C-alpha atoms as a PDB file:
ATOM      1  CA  MET A   1      55.968  87.356  17.248  1.00  0.00           C
ATOM      2  CA  LEU A   2      55.520  89.185  13.608  1.00  0.00           C
ATOM      3  CA  LYS A   3      53.738  86.098  12.578  1.00  0.00           C
ATOM      4  CA  LEU A   4      51.377  85.961  15.276  1.00  0.00           C
ATOM      5  CA  ILE A   5      50.073  89.601  14.487  1.00  0.00           C
ATOM      6  CA  PHE A   6      49.786  88.970  10.850  1.00  0.00           C
ATOM      7  CA  TRP A   7      47.986  86.139  11.479  1.00  0.00           C
ATOM      8  CA  ILE A   8      45.446  87.973  14.149  1.00  0.00           C
ATOM      9  CA  ILE A   9      45.003  90.632  11.167  1.00  0.00           C
ATOM     10  CA  VAL A  10      44.233  88.060   8.419  1.00  0.00           C
ATOM     11  CA  ILE A  11      42.035  86.256  10.890  1.00  0.00           C
ATOM     12  CA  SER A  12      40.203  89.552  11.784  1.00  0.00           C
ATOM     13  CA  ILE A  13      39.824  90.688   8.124  1.00  0.00           C
ATOM     14  CA  ILE A  14      38.325  87.375   7.295  1.00  0.00           C
ATOM     15  CA  LEU A  15      35.815  87.476  10.178  1.00  0.00           C
ATOM     16  CA  ARG A  16      35.012  90.971   9.149  1.00  0.00           C
ATOM     17  CA  ILE A  17      34.319  89.923   5.372  1.00  0.00           C
ATOM     18  CA  ILE A  18      31.827  87.044   6.829  1.00  0.00           C
ATOM     19  CA  PHE A  19      30.475  89.155   9.409  1.00  0.00           C
ATOM     20  CA  TYR A  20      29.589  92.320   7.151  1.00  0.00           C
ATOM     21  CA  PHE A  21      28.990  90.367   3.854  1.00  0.00           C
ATOM     22  CA  VAL A  22      28.173  86.947   3.871  1.00  0.00           C
ATOM     23  CA  LEU A  23      25.901  86.915   6.623  1.00  0.00           C
ATOM     24  CA  PRO A  24      23.630  89.550   5.826  1.00  0.00           C
ATOM     25  CA  ILE A  25      23.348  87.769   2.292  1.00  0.00           C
ATOM     26  CA  LEU A  26      22.561  84.587   3.972  1.00  0.00           C
ATOM     27  CA  ARG A  27      20.219  86.462   5.966  1.00  0.00           C
ATOM     28  CA  VAL A  28      18.028  88.086   2.968  1.00  0.00           C
ATOM     29  CA  ALA A  29      18.275  84.758   1.484  1.00  0.00           C
ATOM     30  CA  PHE A  30      16.729  82.993   3.962  1.00  0.00           C
ATOM     31  CA  THR A  31      14.054  85.940   4.640  1.00  0.00           C
ATOM     32  CA  ALA A  32      13.090  86.065   1.148  1.00  0.00           C
ATOM     33  CA  THR A  33      12.530  82.116   0.805  1.00  0.00           C
ATOM     34  CA  ASN A  34      10.223  82.333   4.021  1.00  0.00           C
ATOM     35  CA  GLN A  35       8.383  84.869   2.273  1.00  0.00           C
ATOM     36  CA  MET A  36       8.068  83.277  -0.851  1.00  0.00           C
ATOM     37  CA  ARG A  37       6.669  79.989   0.892  1.00  0.00           C
ATOM     38  CA  ARG A  38       4.183  82.152   3.000  1.00  0.00           C
ATOM     39  CA  MET A  39       2.844  83.499  -0.199  1.00  0.00           C
ATOM     40  CA  GLN A  40       2.386  80.388  -1.718  1.00  0.00           C
ATOM     41  CA  GLU A  41       0.540  79.023   1.065  1.00  0.00           C
ATOM     42  CA  GLN A  42      -1.966  82.040   0.998  1.00  0.00           C
ATOM     43  CA  MET A  43      -2.436  81.434  -2.530  1.00  0.00           C
ATOM     44  CA  LYS A  44      -3.130  77.763  -2.062  1.00  0.00           C
ATOM     45  CA  GLU A  45      -5.450  78.809   0.827  1.00  0.00           C
ATOM     46  CA  MET A  46      -7.163  81.472  -1.373  1.00  0.00           C
ATOM     47  CA  GLU A  47      -7.633  78.795  -4.281  1.00  0.00           C
ATOM     48  CA  ARG A  48      -9.196  76.579  -1.511  1.00  0.00           C
ATOM     49  CA  ASN A  49     -11.406  79.248  -0.620  1.00  0.00           C
ATOM     50  CA  MET A  50     -12.737  79.889  -4.023  1.00  0.00           C
ATOM     51  CA  ASN A  51     -13.232  76.304  -5.235  1.00  0.00           C
ATOM     52  CA  GLN A  52     -15.325  75.618  -2.033  1.00  0.00           C
ATOM     53  CA  PRO A  53     -19.291  76.137  -2.743  1.00  0.00           C
ATOM     54  CA  PRO A  54     -20.674  79.306  -0.914  1.00  0.00           C
ATOM     55  CA  PRO A  55     -22.513  78.159   1.983  1.00  0.00           C
ATOM     56  CA  SER A  56     -26.365  77.335   0.998  1.00  0.00           C
ATOM     57  CA  THR A  57     -28.832  79.639   2.655  1.00  0.00           C
ATOM     58  CA  ASN A  58     -32.164  77.888   3.093  1.00  0.00           C
ATOM     59  CA  ARG A  59     -34.278  80.787   3.840  1.00  0.00           C
ATOM     60  CA  LYS A  60     -37.592  81.372   1.892  1.00  0.00           C
ATOM     61  CA  VAL A  61     -38.000  84.643   0.537  1.00  0.00           C
ATOM     62  CA  ASN A  62     -41.666  85.694   1.063  1.00  0.00           C
ATOM     63  CA  ARG A  63     -42.436  88.522  -1.887  1.00  0.00           C
ATOM     64  CA  ASP A  64     -45.625  89.398  -0.407  1.00  0.00           C
ATOM     65  CA  GLY A  65     -45.728  92.472   1.701  1.00  0.00           C
ATOM     66  CA  ASP A  66     -41.887  93.367   0.859  1.00  0.00           C
ATOM     67  CA  TYR A  67     -43.093  96.727  -0.485  1.00  0.00           C
ATOM     68  CA  ILE A  68     -42.787  99.325   1.904  1.00  0.00           C
ATOM     69  CA  ASP A  69     -44.722 102.441   1.536  1.00  0.00           C
ATOM     70  CA  TYR A  70     -42.780 105.770   1.835  1.00  0.00           C
ATOM     71  CA  GLU A  71     -43.251 109.260   1.912  1.00  0.00           C
ATOM     72  CA  GLU A  72     -40.983 111.461  -0.133  1.00  0.00           C
ATOM     73  CA  LEU A  73     -39.349 114.398   2.071  1.00  0.00           C
ATOM     74  CA  LYS A  74     -39.163 117.693   0.235  1.00  0.00           C
END
């Protein structure tokens, strides 16, 4: 009977160590890895966007008549 109580206490202590120390560390490591991967993907996307030429605009700018007369307010 005493051996059974001893093993229950030992297993209980081991499970507490796992749940309170090991699992949170693994969770933090997993979250950090995911964040790093997401940031790297964002950086690659930004580089792709910067390397693309801007969309060309085929507007003709008519400079005749661009001047707008205005009155100064006092």
